[in-house]
Protein backbone atom coordinates (compact mmCIF):
# COMPACT_ATOMS: atom_id res chain seq x y z
CA MET A 1 -34.57 -19.51 -22.47
CA SER A 2 -37.07 -20.06 -20.36
CA ILE A 3 -36.48 -22.32 -17.34
CA LEU A 4 -38.31 -24.08 -13.90
CA ILE A 5 -37.00 -24.24 -11.20
CA ARG A 6 -39.37 -26.45 -8.79
CA ASP A 7 -40.62 -28.23 -5.38
CA GLY A 8 -37.96 -25.70 -3.08
CA GLN A 9 -37.90 -23.91 -0.08
CA VAL A 10 -37.75 -20.02 -2.08
CA LEU A 11 -36.71 -16.98 -0.19
CA THR A 12 -39.00 -15.06 -0.83
CA PRO A 13 -40.01 -11.54 1.04
CA GLU A 14 -42.18 -13.31 3.33
CA GLY A 15 -39.41 -15.91 4.74
CA PHE A 16 -39.20 -19.37 2.49
CA VAL A 17 -42.30 -21.31 0.94
CA GLU A 18 -42.06 -24.28 -0.88
CA GLY A 19 -42.54 -23.18 -4.67
CA TYR A 20 -41.36 -22.60 -7.26
CA VAL A 21 -39.58 -19.96 -9.52
CA LEU A 22 -40.24 -19.20 -13.11
CA VAL A 23 -36.80 -17.87 -15.31
CA ALA A 24 -37.35 -15.97 -18.57
CA ASP A 25 -34.86 -13.74 -20.69
CA GLY A 26 -32.35 -13.65 -18.08
CA ARG A 27 -34.88 -12.46 -15.42
CA VAL A 28 -37.04 -13.58 -12.69
CA ALA A 29 -40.84 -14.21 -14.51
CA SER A 30 -43.08 -15.50 -11.76
CA VAL A 31 -42.25 -16.79 -8.07
CA GLY A 32 -44.95 -19.08 -6.47
CA ALA A 33 -46.08 -21.12 -3.04
CA GLY A 34 -46.61 -24.66 -4.44
CA ALA A 35 -47.06 -26.24 -7.82
CA PRO A 36 -46.65 -24.13 -11.26
CA PRO A 37 -49.18 -23.71 -12.20
CA PRO A 38 -50.32 -26.00 -14.79
CA ASP A 39 -50.10 -24.00 -18.30
CA THR A 40 -46.37 -22.94 -17.74
CA HIS A 41 -43.88 -23.84 -20.06
CA ALA A 42 -40.40 -24.05 -19.66
CA ALA A 43 -37.28 -24.81 -22.17
CA GLN A 44 -35.83 -26.25 -18.82
CA VAL A 45 -36.50 -28.17 -16.05
CA LEU A 46 -34.45 -28.27 -12.01
CA SER A 47 -35.55 -29.86 -9.33
CA ALA A 48 -35.01 -27.82 -5.89
CA ARG A 49 -36.23 -30.87 -4.02
CA HIS A 50 -35.86 -30.99 -0.23
CA ALA A 51 -33.00 -27.59 -1.45
CA ALA A 52 -33.68 -24.10 -0.99
CA VAL A 53 -33.88 -21.45 -4.04
CA LEU A 54 -31.76 -18.22 -2.85
CA PRO A 55 -30.26 -14.99 -4.62
CA GLY A 56 -26.90 -16.56 -6.02
CA LEU A 57 -24.61 -15.21 -3.09
CA VAL A 58 -21.48 -12.72 -2.88
CA ASN A 59 -17.53 -12.98 -2.84
CA ALA A 60 -17.01 -9.53 -1.95
CA HIS A 61 -12.94 -10.48 -2.05
CA THR A 62 -10.28 -12.83 -3.71
CA HIS A 63 -7.65 -13.46 -5.05
CA LEU A 64 -7.91 -15.58 -8.09
CA SER A 65 -4.20 -15.83 -9.04
CA GLN A 66 -3.33 -17.55 -5.51
CA THR A 67 -5.58 -20.65 -6.66
CA PHE A 68 -2.20 -21.86 -8.02
CA MET A 69 -0.66 -20.95 -3.82
CA ARG A 70 -3.07 -23.02 -1.85
CA GLY A 71 -0.61 -23.76 1.48
CA LEU A 72 2.60 -22.38 0.14
CA GLY A 73 2.41 -20.47 2.87
CA GLY A 74 1.36 -21.82 5.68
CA GLY A 75 2.35 -20.66 9.34
CA ARG A 76 3.48 -16.94 8.19
CA PRO A 77 2.44 -13.61 9.23
CA LEU A 78 0.84 -11.24 6.38
CA MET A 79 4.38 -9.33 6.04
CA ARG A 80 6.63 -12.61 5.37
CA TRP A 81 3.56 -14.74 3.85
CA LEU A 82 3.91 -11.75 1.02
CA LYS A 83 7.52 -11.12 1.27
CA GLU A 84 8.67 -15.01 1.14
CA ARG A 85 6.02 -16.74 -0.35
CA ILE A 86 3.31 -14.76 -2.47
CA TRP A 87 5.25 -11.18 -3.95
CA ARG A 88 7.64 -14.73 -5.98
CA LEU A 89 4.92 -16.15 -6.61
CA GLN A 90 2.89 -13.47 -8.49
CA ALA A 91 6.42 -12.03 -9.91
CA ALA A 92 6.90 -15.71 -12.08
CA MET A 93 3.56 -15.97 -13.30
CA SER A 94 2.97 -15.89 -16.74
CA ALA A 95 -0.66 -14.47 -18.47
CA GLU A 96 -1.18 -18.06 -19.46
CA GLN A 97 -0.70 -19.57 -15.45
CA LEU A 98 -2.90 -16.56 -15.05
CA HIS A 99 -5.56 -17.63 -16.88
CA LEU A 100 -5.87 -21.33 -15.89
CA ALA A 101 -5.96 -19.90 -12.10
CA ALA A 102 -8.49 -17.69 -12.92
CA LEU A 103 -10.29 -19.92 -13.97
CA LEU A 104 -9.57 -22.27 -11.44
CA GLY A 105 -11.11 -19.76 -9.38
CA LEU A 106 -13.87 -19.22 -11.06
CA VAL A 107 -15.17 -22.58 -11.11
CA GLU A 108 -14.68 -22.94 -7.37
CA ASN A 109 -16.62 -20.02 -6.51
CA LEU A 110 -19.07 -21.50 -8.72
CA HIS A 111 -20.27 -24.47 -7.03
CA CYS A 112 -20.13 -23.06 -4.63
CA GLY A 113 -23.01 -20.62 -5.47
CA ALA A 114 -21.55 -17.44 -5.78
CA THR A 115 -22.74 -15.69 -8.54
CA GLN A 116 -21.00 -12.50 -7.71
CA VAL A 117 -16.93 -12.15 -7.33
CA THR A 118 -14.64 -9.01 -6.72
CA ASN A 119 -11.21 -10.12 -7.74
CA HIS A 120 -8.52 -7.69 -6.17
CA HIS A 121 -6.38 -8.06 -8.83
CA LYS A 122 -3.21 -8.14 -7.60
CA VAL A 123 -0.21 -9.48 -10.62
CA THR A 124 -0.27 -7.16 -13.29
CA THR A 125 2.91 -7.69 -14.70
CA THR A 126 2.11 -6.41 -18.39
CA PRO A 127 -1.94 -5.52 -19.91
CA ALA A 128 -1.71 -9.39 -21.23
CA HIS A 129 -2.19 -11.16 -17.50
CA SER A 130 -5.36 -8.39 -16.19
CA ASP A 131 -6.53 -9.01 -19.96
CA ALA A 132 -5.98 -13.24 -18.42
CA ILE A 133 -8.10 -12.50 -15.99
CA CYS A 134 -10.93 -10.74 -18.28
CA GLN A 135 -10.97 -13.58 -20.95
CA ALA A 136 -11.53 -16.18 -17.94
CA ALA A 137 -14.34 -14.07 -16.85
CA LEU A 138 -16.13 -15.00 -19.90
CA ALA A 139 -15.53 -18.06 -20.26
CA VAL A 140 -16.68 -18.99 -16.90
CA PRO A 141 -19.46 -15.40 -16.82
CA LEU A 142 -20.33 -15.22 -12.93
CA ARG A 143 -20.52 -11.21 -12.37
CA LEU A 144 -17.05 -10.72 -12.14
CA THR A 145 -15.75 -7.20 -11.05
CA LEU A 146 -11.82 -6.96 -11.91
CA ALA A 147 -10.61 -4.22 -8.92
CA ARG A 148 -7.18 -3.39 -10.32
CA ALA A 149 -4.42 -3.90 -7.85
CA TRP A 150 -1.69 -0.67 -7.95
CA VAL A 151 0.56 1.02 -5.64
CA ASP A 152 3.04 3.98 -5.98
CA CYS A 153 4.78 3.80 -3.18
CA GLY A 154 7.59 1.60 -2.14
CA ALA A 155 8.48 -2.27 -3.25
CA ASN A 156 6.94 -2.87 -6.70
CA ALA A 157 5.61 0.54 -7.47
CA GLU A 158 4.89 1.63 -10.43
CA PRO A 159 4.64 5.24 -11.89
CA ALA A 160 0.89 6.93 -11.17
CA ASP A 161 0.42 7.83 -15.03
CA GLU A 162 0.50 4.10 -15.87
CA ILE A 163 -1.82 3.78 -13.08
CA LEU A 164 -3.54 5.85 -14.58
CA ALA A 165 -3.58 4.39 -17.76
CA ASP A 166 -4.16 1.05 -17.78
CA LEU A 167 -6.44 1.33 -15.44
CA ALA A 168 -8.66 3.40 -18.28
CA ARG A 169 -7.74 1.12 -21.13
CA LEU A 170 -9.12 -1.87 -18.63
CA PHE A 171 -12.27 0.37 -18.05
CA ASP A 172 -12.67 1.19 -21.98
CA ARG A 173 -11.76 -2.19 -22.92
CA TRP A 174 -13.33 -4.91 -20.73
CA HIS A 175 -16.42 -2.52 -18.27
CA GLY A 176 -19.48 -3.80 -18.79
CA ALA A 177 -18.33 -6.36 -21.41
CA GLY A 178 -20.65 -9.46 -21.79
CA GLY A 179 -23.10 -7.94 -19.48
CA THR A 180 -21.47 -8.89 -16.54
CA LEU A 181 -17.45 -7.77 -16.55
CA ALA A 182 -16.88 -4.41 -14.40
CA VAL A 183 -13.72 -3.19 -13.53
CA ALA A 184 -12.94 -1.38 -10.30
CA SER A 185 -9.51 0.38 -8.63
CA GLY A 186 -7.69 -1.91 -6.38
CA PRO A 187 -5.40 0.04 -4.43
CA LEU A 188 -3.92 -2.44 -2.22
CA ALA A 189 -3.38 -0.60 1.11
CA THR A 190 -2.99 2.96 2.37
CA TRP A 191 0.66 2.52 3.47
CA ARG A 192 1.45 1.95 0.33
CA CYS A 193 -0.06 4.95 -2.06
CA SER A 194 0.24 8.31 -2.77
CA ALA A 195 -2.72 10.26 -2.32
CA GLY A 196 -2.59 12.15 -5.16
CA THR A 197 -3.06 8.84 -7.22
CA MET A 198 -5.71 7.68 -4.71
CA GLN A 199 -7.83 10.58 -5.22
CA ALA A 200 -7.34 10.23 -9.13
CA ALA A 201 -7.93 7.00 -9.32
CA HIS A 202 -10.99 7.08 -7.18
CA THR A 203 -12.81 10.02 -9.29
CA LEU A 204 -12.00 7.94 -12.18
CA ALA A 205 -13.35 4.85 -10.65
CA VAL A 206 -16.12 6.94 -9.79
CA GLY A 207 -16.38 8.92 -12.83
CA GLN A 208 -17.50 5.50 -15.05
CA GLY A 209 -19.71 4.38 -12.51
CA SER A 210 -17.60 2.16 -10.15
CA PHE A 211 -16.13 1.95 -6.95
CA THR A 212 -12.08 1.61 -4.69
CA HIS A 213 -11.23 -1.73 -3.30
CA ILE A 214 -8.82 -1.49 -0.67
CA HIS A 215 -7.33 -3.58 1.95
CA VAL A 216 -7.72 -1.44 5.86
CA ALA A 217 -6.76 -1.99 8.62
CA GLU A 218 -6.07 -6.02 8.65
CA THR A 219 -2.95 -5.92 10.89
CA ARG A 220 -2.00 -3.45 14.04
CA ASP A 221 2.03 -2.64 12.31
CA GLU A 222 -0.37 -1.68 9.04
CA VAL A 223 -2.51 0.83 11.53
CA GLU A 224 1.22 2.09 13.35
CA ILE A 225 2.83 2.92 9.81
CA SER A 226 -0.50 4.66 8.47
CA LEU A 227 0.08 7.05 12.25
CA LYS A 228 3.62 7.04 11.93
CA ASP A 229 3.51 8.76 8.58
CA THR A 230 0.07 10.71 8.60
CA GLY A 231 -0.59 10.74 11.56
CA LEU A 232 -3.36 9.83 10.37
CA SER A 233 -5.16 5.80 10.94
CA PRO A 234 -5.93 4.04 7.27
CA VAL A 235 -9.83 5.01 7.64
CA GLN A 236 -9.12 8.69 8.64
CA TRP A 237 -6.95 8.78 5.55
CA LEU A 238 -9.28 7.67 3.63
CA GLU A 239 -11.70 9.88 4.84
CA SER A 240 -9.63 13.42 5.25
CA LEU A 241 -8.73 12.31 0.95
CA GLY A 242 -12.48 12.41 -0.11
CA VAL A 243 -11.66 8.46 -1.18
CA LEU A 244 -14.25 7.53 1.66
CA ASP A 245 -17.29 7.27 0.46
CA GLY A 246 -20.12 5.37 -0.84
CA ASN A 247 -17.84 4.18 -3.14
CA CYS A 248 -15.61 2.98 -1.85
CA GLN A 249 -15.20 -0.80 0.01
CA VAL A 250 -13.14 -1.61 2.95
CA VAL A 251 -11.70 -5.02 2.82
CA HIS A 252 -10.78 -6.15 7.01
CA ALA A 253 -11.15 -3.19 9.00
CA VAL A 254 -9.45 -5.74 11.55
CA TRP A 255 -8.05 -2.92 13.97
CA VAL A 256 -10.31 0.02 13.75
CA GLU A 257 -11.43 2.23 16.58
CA PRO A 258 -14.96 3.30 17.43
CA ASP A 259 -14.72 6.60 15.81
CA GLU A 260 -13.35 4.88 12.81
CA ILE A 261 -17.02 2.95 12.68
CA ASP A 262 -18.68 6.05 13.44
CA LEU A 263 -16.64 7.62 10.20
CA LEU A 264 -17.25 4.38 8.20
CA ALA A 265 -21.31 4.53 8.42
CA ARG A 266 -21.89 8.37 7.84
CA SER A 267 -19.55 7.98 4.70
CA GLY A 268 -21.54 4.88 3.25
CA ALA A 269 -18.38 2.54 3.04
CA LEU A 270 -18.57 -1.21 2.43
CA VAL A 271 -16.52 -3.23 4.61
CA VAL A 272 -15.89 -6.27 3.37
CA HIS A 273 -15.27 -9.13 6.25
CA CYS A 274 -12.33 -11.94 5.86
CA PRO A 275 -12.96 -14.09 8.69
CA ILE A 276 -10.88 -16.71 8.00
CA SER A 277 -8.18 -15.10 6.44
CA ASN A 278 -7.94 -13.10 8.98
CA ALA A 279 -7.61 -16.17 11.34
CA VAL A 280 -5.11 -17.93 9.60
CA LEU A 281 -2.63 -15.06 9.25
CA GLY A 282 -3.49 -14.26 12.52
CA SER A 283 -3.72 -10.81 11.86
CA GLY A 284 -7.49 -10.62 14.43
CA ILE A 285 -11.32 -10.37 14.70
CA ALA A 286 -12.99 -7.52 13.29
CA PRO A 287 -15.63 -6.34 15.06
CA VAL A 288 -18.36 -7.18 13.40
CA ALA A 289 -21.04 -6.55 16.11
CA ARG A 290 -20.30 -2.92 16.09
CA LEU A 291 -20.10 -2.31 12.94
CA LEU A 292 -23.11 -3.71 12.42
CA GLU A 293 -25.13 -1.59 15.35
CA SER A 294 -22.53 1.49 14.13
CA GLY A 295 -25.44 0.45 10.52
CA VAL A 296 -22.05 -0.41 8.42
CA ARG A 297 -23.08 -1.86 5.47
CA LEU A 298 -21.51 -4.96 5.65
CA ARG A 299 -19.90 -7.96 2.58
CA LEU A 300 -18.69 -11.55 3.01
CA GLY A 301 -15.26 -12.68 1.45
CA THR A 302 -12.96 -15.64 1.29
CA ASP A 303 -10.38 -13.75 0.32
CA GLY A 304 -7.46 -15.38 -1.76
CA PRO A 305 -6.81 -19.07 -1.72
CA ALA A 306 -2.90 -18.86 -0.49
CA SER A 307 -4.64 -17.38 3.08
CA ASN A 308 -8.22 -19.18 3.35
CA ASP A 309 -7.68 -21.66 1.04
CA THR A 310 -10.76 -22.17 -0.28
CA GLN A 311 -13.38 -19.72 -1.45
CA ASP A 312 -16.19 -21.47 -0.05
CA ILE A 313 -17.70 -19.01 1.41
CA TRP A 314 -20.90 -21.20 2.81
CA GLU A 315 -17.52 -21.70 5.59
CA VAL A 316 -16.86 -17.75 5.46
CA LEU A 317 -20.96 -17.56 6.50
CA LYS A 318 -20.40 -19.66 9.49
CA THR A 319 -16.93 -18.73 10.59
CA ALA A 320 -18.29 -15.23 10.34
CA VAL A 321 -21.05 -16.23 12.56
CA GLN A 322 -18.78 -17.71 15.43
CA LEU A 323 -16.44 -15.38 15.66
CA ALA A 324 -18.37 -12.37 16.13
CA ARG A 325 -20.44 -13.76 18.97
CA VAL A 326 -17.43 -14.74 20.89
CA SER A 327 -15.72 -11.64 19.74
CA ALA A 328 -18.99 -10.20 21.39
CA LEU A 329 -19.47 -12.60 24.18
CA ASP A 330 -22.92 -12.96 23.21
CA PRO A 331 -24.60 -15.76 21.72
CA THR A 332 -27.84 -13.46 20.42
CA VAL A 333 -25.30 -11.19 17.75
CA LEU A 334 -25.95 -12.57 13.62
CA PRO A 335 -28.55 -14.85 14.11
CA PRO A 336 -29.48 -16.99 11.07
CA ALA A 337 -31.24 -14.57 8.81
CA GLN A 338 -29.89 -11.35 8.86
CA ALA A 339 -26.17 -13.84 8.47
CA LEU A 340 -27.48 -15.09 5.20
CA GLY A 341 -28.32 -11.99 4.25
CA LEU A 342 -24.42 -10.52 4.46
CA ALA A 343 -23.81 -13.69 2.15
CA LEU A 344 -27.21 -13.15 -0.91
CA SER A 345 -26.92 -10.76 -3.79
CA GLN A 346 -30.47 -9.77 -3.08
CA PRO A 347 -32.10 -9.64 0.41
CA ALA A 348 -35.45 -12.43 -1.53
CA VAL A 349 -36.13 -13.74 -5.09
CA THR A 350 -38.78 -11.42 -6.51
CA PRO A 351 -40.26 -11.02 -9.96
CA GLY A 352 -38.22 -9.10 -12.17
CA MET A 353 -34.74 -9.32 -10.63
CA PRO A 354 -31.90 -10.94 -12.43
CA ALA A 355 -31.65 -14.54 -12.51
CA ASP A 356 -28.98 -14.73 -10.60
CA LEU A 357 -29.45 -18.01 -8.61
CA ALA A 358 -28.57 -21.06 -6.12
CA VAL A 359 -30.51 -24.09 -5.21
CA VAL A 360 -28.40 -25.57 -2.19
CA ASN A 361 -29.21 -28.83 -1.25
CA LEU A 362 -30.56 -29.68 2.15
CA ASP A 363 -31.04 -33.50 1.85
CA HIS A 364 -27.59 -34.74 2.78
CA ALA A 365 -27.39 -36.22 7.26
CA ARG A 366 -25.17 -32.55 8.01
CA ALA A 367 -28.79 -30.78 8.27
CA MET A 368 -31.57 -33.42 8.68
CA PRO A 369 -33.47 -32.77 10.17
CA VAL A 370 -34.30 -28.80 8.81
CA HIS A 371 -36.58 -27.40 11.05
CA GLU A 372 -34.85 -23.91 10.42
CA VAL A 373 -34.39 -23.53 6.27
CA ASP A 374 -32.01 -20.63 7.50
CA SER A 375 -30.21 -22.12 10.27
CA ALA A 376 -29.63 -25.32 7.67
CA LEU A 377 -28.30 -23.32 5.28
CA VAL A 378 -25.83 -21.10 7.28
CA PHE A 379 -24.90 -23.53 10.02
CA CYS A 380 -24.58 -26.70 8.20
CA THR A 381 -23.65 -25.57 4.28
CA HIS A 382 -20.73 -26.75 2.62
CA GLY A 383 -20.14 -25.46 -1.27
CA THR A 384 -20.41 -29.39 -1.96
CA ASP A 385 -23.89 -28.60 -1.19
CA VAL A 386 -24.72 -26.49 -4.26
CA ARG A 387 -26.70 -27.98 -6.91
CA HIS A 388 -27.60 -25.56 -9.58
CA VAL A 389 -26.40 -22.23 -10.64
CA LEU A 390 -28.34 -19.70 -12.98
CA VAL A 391 -26.15 -15.87 -13.48
CA ALA A 392 -28.54 -14.12 -15.85
CA GLY A 393 -30.58 -17.04 -16.55
CA ARG A 394 -28.43 -18.80 -18.27
CA PRO A 395 -27.65 -22.68 -16.06
CA LEU A 396 -24.06 -22.23 -15.32
CA LEU A 397 -23.68 -25.28 -12.53
CA VAL A 398 -26.54 -28.01 -13.16
CA ASP A 399 -26.72 -31.14 -11.22
CA GLY A 400 -23.28 -30.55 -9.85
CA VAL A 401 -21.95 -29.93 -13.06
CA VAL A 402 -20.14 -26.84 -14.83
CA THR A 403 -21.58 -26.31 -17.94
CA VAL A 404 -19.33 -23.98 -19.66
CA LEU A 405 -16.47 -25.86 -19.72
CA ASP A 406 -14.35 -29.16 -19.13
CA GLU A 407 -13.60 -29.61 -15.88
CA PRO A 408 -11.69 -32.99 -15.07
CA ALA A 409 -9.46 -31.34 -18.17
CA LEU A 410 -8.35 -27.70 -16.93
CA LEU A 411 -7.49 -29.47 -13.60
CA ALA A 412 -5.20 -31.31 -15.27
CA GLU A 413 -3.73 -28.14 -17.06
CA CYS A 414 -3.78 -26.29 -13.71
CA ARG A 415 -2.10 -29.39 -11.60
CA GLN A 416 0.57 -29.02 -14.40
CA ALA A 417 0.89 -25.04 -15.36
CA ALA A 418 1.25 -25.05 -10.75
CA ALA A 419 4.06 -26.86 -10.54
CA SER A 420 5.50 -24.95 -13.43
CA LEU A 421 5.00 -21.93 -11.50
CA ARG A 422 6.65 -23.25 -8.29
CA ALA A 423 9.64 -24.38 -9.68
CA ALA A 424 9.59 -21.17 -11.83
CA ALA A 425 9.09 -18.91 -8.12
CA GLY A 426 12.48 -21.70 -6.76
CA ILE A 427 10.15 -22.46 -4.02
CA GLU A 428 10.58 -25.97 -2.81
């Protein structure tokens, strides 16, 4: 299907240019300034008037199950939040409830312009629970990576052989499904995982062309546990195992020392920064300025709705800039163009790239007048401003309306299912 997006501010390698984007066969066929040539033909035309045309956004860390847990854990630090609310709700969640929660979370991400999402999947009670997420991702076909969570030490531990067998099953059944679904290893935290299983799961994931996605140094308590148990910080421990490499995604990295930042930079590991979740849980502020200065690869994540409480990557983007500047006492940290790059799936819209695109409305009072498009996007944009979203050339959101399911009907189902979950978990 061919689609013409016209009259927008298109992000090109040279910056924002008023022009058009032609999509064909799932890819960007051409990008041009001004009006499209008179002989341009397309099956569908989308207006980008007074809007920016961007590569789709990336939400590099969330927990889709937590859409049903919003607002139930407020005012608790991480460990109390987990023990008193999250673990109880996860244990009570059925596969059917999880499927609805995932659909809701994917629709929310879609409305916010995300075309790529990494879901750190915690509710692994049965294989059907994991499959329910994957089936949701085929129904709302963003580019989803299911990072299958696991622990083999302490509370809720699984036997190592069962973890590895289920990872292998997921890779075999779902990795590459629909052309938009992927699987990864998702150990929850260093202090809850053994060295041997960590290495085996990482080797399995890398062999499938995938990666390890893990919470690291989110709180000071986590670092102290690691130092007590292993004599090493979480980053140092991963490095000692050979897991800290270009196929490792380190989520949070709030409490990392300068020598650990150097390790992260040399390893090529990706750090996923979740500033709103870190602030809500009182965990701290990641040293973003130092990470960037050291050359660490950085992405942004909303984290789960139980600790954010939305999945609006635009809110995360603005908060990341604010906290980076105030913690460094430097207003020059993360200028808008650089900050925007942390949230996009590609640096610019270019011919030949997969047609994962977001069209973002700037014709509203919060952004007017638009002197600099990148500044208006970073500081003035909400998820509600997203007008159109394409993934692999398929329009999933048009004029703010989801095209792949009945959203009002989904909301009604989710309202009822979330109330049943709360009752089953015994949360008043």
